[in-house]
Amino acid sequence: MLEKILSKTKKDSNECMNWLGCVNTDGYARMSYKGNSNGKVHRIVYELSTGEDIQGKVVRHKCDNPLCVNPKHLELGSHADNMRDRDSRGRHGRAKLTSKDVVEIRKLSLTGVKNIDLSKKFGVDPRTISSIVLHKHFKHID
């Protein structure tokens, strides 16, 4: 199974094995696996290549490339480790929406404002609005 997955990649100059298949809305490689149609390929590859139980853990990219599924570029860690990676790589604070925006989006949605209208107002994709309204993203904001 691992060889079949890795055959669907293209290696780049950084030795990243970039996934050539489907990608989720967060930019991560995805595939159907064990009944999950949106399985993250880097997690699947890590589990298959190491045999480790990854439940409740984060599979991190040492290369900071969400399309990379090279087992040598993946490591297991905690959510806190992943946040430290994000911060050390200068990706913290690049979100287009503020906490205040998220609160306003949720309030306006409750009053019947359509996602398409909210997306135009805040300059983001309607799918982003939907994920905010459904508490799939920005879960830490009430």
C-alpha atoms as a PDB file:
ATOM      1  CA  MET A   1       0.000   0.000   0.000  1.00  0.00           C
ATOM      2  CA  LEU A   2       2.791   2.441   0.901  1.00  0.00           C
ATOM      3  CA  GLU A   3       4.555   1.916  -2.435  1.00  0.00           C
ATOM      4  CA  LYS A   4       1.306   2.510  -4.304  1.00  0.00           C
ATOM      5  CA  ILE A   5       0.761   5.815  -2.454  1.00  0.00           C
ATOM      6  CA  LEU A   6       4.335   6.987  -2.991  1.00  0.00           C
ATOM      7  CA  SER A   7       4.073   6.178  -6.714  1.00  0.00           C
ATOM      8  CA  LYS A   8       1.550   9.027  -6.956  1.00  0.00           C
ATOM      9  CA  THR A   9       4.156  11.663  -6.109  1.00  0.00           C
ATOM     10  CA  LYS A  10       6.807  13.713  -7.861  1.00  0.00           C
ATOM     11  CA  LYS A  11      10.130  14.345  -6.138  1.00  0.00           C
ATOM     12  CA  ASP A  12      11.484  17.910  -6.167  1.00  0.00           C
ATOM     13  CA  SER A  13      14.944  19.402  -5.562  1.00  0.00           C
ATOM     14  CA  ASN A  14      14.344  19.408  -1.780  1.00  0.00           C
ATOM     15  CA  GLU A  15      13.637  15.647  -1.826  1.00  0.00           C
ATOM     16  CA  CYS A  16       9.959  16.385  -1.104  1.00  0.00           C
ATOM     17  CA  MET A  17       7.640  13.778  -2.579  1.00  0.00           C
ATOM     18  CA  ASN A  18       4.799  16.027  -3.691  1.00  0.00           C
ATOM     19  CA  TRP A  19       1.369  14.424  -3.919  1.00  0.00           C
ATOM     20  CA  LEU A  20      -0.166  14.557  -7.408  1.00  0.00           C
ATOM     21  CA  GLY A  21      -3.684  13.567  -6.364  1.00  0.00           C
ATOM     22  CA  CYS A  22      -6.535  15.337  -4.602  1.00  0.00           C
ATOM     23  CA  VAL A  23      -5.921  18.101  -2.086  1.00  0.00           C
ATOM     24  CA  ASN A  24      -8.236  19.260   0.725  1.00  0.00           C
ATOM     25  CA  THR A  25      -9.270  22.874   1.323  1.00  0.00           C
ATOM     26  CA  ASP A  26      -6.309  23.358   3.692  1.00  0.00           C
ATOM     27  CA  GLY A  27      -3.856  22.398   0.931  1.00  0.00           C
ATOM     28  CA  TYR A  28      -2.992  18.952   2.308  1.00  0.00           C
ATOM     29  CA  ALA A  29      -2.822  15.807   0.185  1.00  0.00           C
ATOM     30  CA  ARG A  30      -5.897  13.659   0.706  1.00  0.00           C
ATOM     31  CA  MET A  31      -7.179  10.247  -0.288  1.00  0.00           C
ATOM     32  CA  SER A  32      -9.772   7.692   0.724  1.00  0.00           C
ATOM     33  CA  TYR A  33      -8.417   5.377   3.413  1.00  0.00           C
ATOM     34  CA  LYS A  34     -10.115   3.035   5.880  1.00  0.00           C
ATOM     35  CA  GLY A  35     -13.563   4.489   5.157  1.00  0.00           C
ATOM     36  CA  ASN A  36     -12.441   8.119   5.449  1.00  0.00           C
ATOM     37  CA  SER A  37     -12.804   9.848   2.086  1.00  0.00           C
ATOM     38  CA  ASN A  38     -10.727  12.799   3.292  1.00  0.00           C
ATOM     39  CA  GLY A  39      -7.761  10.992   4.859  1.00  0.00           C
ATOM     40  CA  LYS A  40      -4.604  13.107   5.052  1.00  0.00           C
ATOM     41  CA  VAL A  41      -1.975  11.313   3.010  1.00  0.00           C
ATOM     42  CA  HIS A  42       0.990  12.437   5.130  1.00  0.00           C
ATOM     43  CA  ARG A  43      -0.659  10.859   8.188  1.00  0.00           C
ATOM     44  CA  ILE A  44      -1.403   7.649   6.295  1.00  0.00           C
ATOM     45  CA  VAL A  45       2.184   7.461   4.978  1.00  0.00           C
ATOM     46  CA  TYR A  46       3.633   8.054   8.443  1.00  0.00           C
ATOM     47  CA  GLU A  47       1.459   5.342   9.957  1.00  0.00           C
ATOM     48  CA  LEU A  48       2.262   2.840   7.186  1.00  0.00           C
ATOM     49  CA  SER A  49       5.995   3.579   7.162  1.00  0.00           C
ATOM     50  CA  THR A  50       6.522   3.464  10.948  1.00  0.00           C
ATOM     51  CA  GLY A  51       3.742   1.225  12.225  1.00  0.00           C
ATOM     52  CA  GLU A  52       3.198   3.730  15.048  1.00  0.00           C
ATOM     53  CA  ASP A  53      -0.218   4.582  16.461  1.00  0.00           C
ATOM     54  CA  ILE A  54      -0.828   8.224  15.552  1.00  0.00           C
ATOM     55  CA  GLN A  55      -4.237   8.627  17.204  1.00  0.00           C
ATOM     56  CA  GLY A  56      -4.402  11.934  19.053  1.00  0.00           C
ATOM     57  CA  LYS A  57      -1.039  13.058  17.679  1.00  0.00           C
ATOM     58  CA  VAL A  58       0.056  15.400  14.915  1.00  0.00           C
ATOM     59  CA  VAL A  59       2.173  14.285  11.975  1.00  0.00           C
ATOM     60  CA  ARG A  60       4.390  17.283  11.249  1.00  0.00           C
ATOM     61  CA  HIS A  61       6.237  18.233   8.075  1.00  0.00           C
ATOM     62  CA  LYS A  62       9.927  18.951   8.748  1.00  0.00           C
ATOM     63  CA  CYS A  63      10.018  20.469   5.246  1.00  0.00           C
ATOM     64  CA  ASP A  64       6.990  22.735   5.890  1.00  0.00           C
ATOM     65  CA  ASN A  65       5.396  21.482   2.664  1.00  0.00           C
ATOM     66  CA  PRO A  66       1.799  20.249   3.088  1.00  0.00           C
ATOM     67  CA  LEU A  67       1.916  18.340  -0.226  1.00  0.00           C
ATOM     68  CA  CYS A  68       5.017  16.367   0.781  1.00  0.00           C
ATOM     69  CA  VAL A  69       4.479  12.750   1.790  1.00  0.00           C
ATOM     70  CA  ASN A  70       8.142  11.724   1.992  1.00  0.00           C
ATOM     71  CA  PRO A  71       8.358   9.550   5.128  1.00  0.00           C
ATOM     72  CA  LYS A  72      11.799  11.059   5.866  1.00  0.00           C
ATOM     73  CA  HIS A  73      10.221  14.519   6.054  1.00  0.00           C
ATOM     74  CA  LEU A  74       7.518  13.530   8.553  1.00  0.00           C
ATOM     75  CA  GLU A  75       7.680  13.372  12.337  1.00  0.00           C
ATOM     76  CA  LEU A  76       5.214  12.744  15.118  1.00  0.00           C
ATOM     77  CA  GLY A  77       4.467  15.409  17.686  1.00  0.00           C
ATOM     78  CA  SER A  78       1.862  17.226  19.705  1.00  0.00           C
ATOM     79  CA  HIS A  79      -0.397  20.112  18.764  1.00  0.00           C
ATOM     80  CA  ALA A  80       1.911  22.372  20.801  1.00  0.00           C
ATOM     81  CA  ASP A  81       4.904  21.145  18.749  1.00  0.00           C
ATOM     82  CA  ASN A  82       3.000  21.958  15.566  1.00  0.00           C
ATOM     83  CA  MET A  83       2.169  25.468  16.803  1.00  0.00           C
ATOM     84  CA  ARG A  84       5.841  26.043  17.692  1.00  0.00           C
ATOM     85  CA  ASP A  85       6.759  24.928  14.159  1.00  0.00           C
ATOM     86  CA  ARG A  86       4.236  27.381  12.720  1.00  0.00           C
ATOM     87  CA  ASP A  87       5.515  30.261  14.820  1.00  0.00           C
ATOM     88  CA  SER A  88       9.201  29.522  14.174  1.00  0.00           C
ATOM     89  CA  ARG A  89       8.516  29.467  10.433  1.00  0.00           C
ATOM     90  CA  GLY A  90       6.860  32.868  10.513  1.00  0.00           C
ATOM     91  CA  ARG A  91       3.382  31.686   9.566  1.00  0.00           C
ATOM     92  CA  HIS A  92       1.681  32.941  12.705  1.00  0.00           C
ATOM     93  CA  GLY A  93      -0.549  35.941  12.207  1.00  0.00           C
ATOM     94  CA  ARG A  94      -1.007  35.611   8.463  1.00  0.00           C
ATOM     95  CA  ALA A  95      -4.683  34.834   8.753  1.00  0.00           C
ATOM     96  CA  LYS A  96      -6.822  37.134   6.655  1.00  0.00           C
ATOM     97  CA  LEU A  97      -9.611  37.218   9.230  1.00  0.00           C
ATOM     98  CA  THR A  98      -9.366  38.508  12.773  1.00  0.00           C
ATOM     99  CA  SER A  99     -11.127  37.070  15.810  1.00  0.00           C
ATOM    100  CA  LYS A 100     -13.501  40.034  15.620  1.00  0.00           C
ATOM    101  CA  ASP A 101     -14.304  39.153  11.976  1.00  0.00           C
ATOM    102  CA  VAL A 102     -15.064  35.544  12.931  1.00  0.00           C
ATOM    103  CA  VAL A 103     -17.465  36.653  15.684  1.00  0.00           C
ATOM    104  CA  GLU A 104     -19.172  39.048  13.276  1.00  0.00           C
ATOM    105  CA  ILE A 105     -19.465  36.391  10.560  1.00  0.00           C
ATOM    106  CA  ARG A 106     -21.154  33.999  12.977  1.00  0.00           C
ATOM    107  CA  LYS A 107     -23.530  36.687  14.265  1.00  0.00           C
ATOM    108  CA  LEU A 108     -24.493  37.843  10.764  1.00  0.00           C
ATOM    109  CA  SER A 109     -25.017  34.250   9.678  1.00  0.00           C
ATOM    110  CA  LEU A 110     -27.491  33.758  12.523  1.00  0.00           C
ATOM    111  CA  THR A 111     -29.484  36.747  11.232  1.00  0.00           C
ATOM    112  CA  GLY A 112     -29.841  35.093   7.824  1.00  0.00           C
ATOM    113  CA  VAL A 113     -27.055  36.780   5.845  1.00  0.00           C
ATOM    114  CA  LYS A 114     -25.968  34.338   3.118  1.00  0.00           C
ATOM    115  CA  ASN A 115     -22.465  32.888   2.993  1.00  0.00           C
ATOM    116  CA  ILE A 116     -21.903  34.302  -0.498  1.00  0.00           C
ATOM    117  CA  ASP A 117     -22.663  37.808   0.769  1.00  0.00           C
ATOM    118  CA  LEU A 118     -20.413  37.326   3.800  1.00  0.00           C
ATOM    119  CA  SER A 119     -17.613  36.063   1.565  1.00  0.00           C
ATOM    120  CA  LYS A 120     -17.801  39.232  -0.534  1.00  0.00           C
ATOM    121  CA  LYS A 121     -17.853  41.453   2.546  1.00  0.00           C
ATOM    122  CA  PHE A 122     -14.824  39.780   4.158  1.00  0.00           C
ATOM    123  CA  GLY A 123     -12.914  38.957   0.952  1.00  0.00           C
ATOM    124  CA  VAL A 124     -12.714  35.192   1.452  1.00  0.00           C
ATOM    125  CA  ASP A 125     -14.075  32.116  -0.280  1.00  0.00           C
ATOM    126  CA  PRO A 126     -17.685  31.116   0.589  1.00  0.00           C
ATOM    127  CA  ARG A 127     -16.312  27.741   1.740  1.00  0.00           C
ATOM    128  CA  THR A 128     -14.233  29.571   4.339  1.00  0.00           C
ATOM    129  CA  ILE A 129     -17.362  31.314   5.596  1.00  0.00           C
ATOM    130  CA  SER A 130     -19.172  27.976   5.772  1.00  0.00           C
ATOM    131  CA  SER A 131     -16.361  26.365   7.766  1.00  0.00           C
ATOM    132  CA  ILE A 132     -16.374  29.304  10.191  1.00  0.00           C
ATOM    133  CA  VAL A 133     -20.163  29.210  10.641  1.00  0.00           C
ATOM    134  CA  LEU A 134     -20.035  25.433  11.200  1.00  0.00           C
ATOM    135  CA  HIS A 135     -17.162  25.849  13.715  1.00  0.00           C
ATOM    136  CA  LYS A 136     -14.818  23.713  11.609  1.00  0.00           C
ATOM    137  CA  HIS A 137     -12.256  26.524  11.582  1.00  0.00           C
ATOM    138  CA  PHE A 138     -11.495  29.086  14.273  1.00  0.00           C
ATOM    139  CA  LYS A 139     -12.862  26.608  16.835  1.00  0.00           C
ATOM    140  CA  HIS A 140     -11.106  28.503  19.608  1.00  0.00           C
ATOM    141  CA  ILE A 141     -13.321  31.561  19.014  1.00  0.00           C
ATOM    142  CA  ASP A 142     -16.807  31.487  20.536  1.00  0.00           C
END
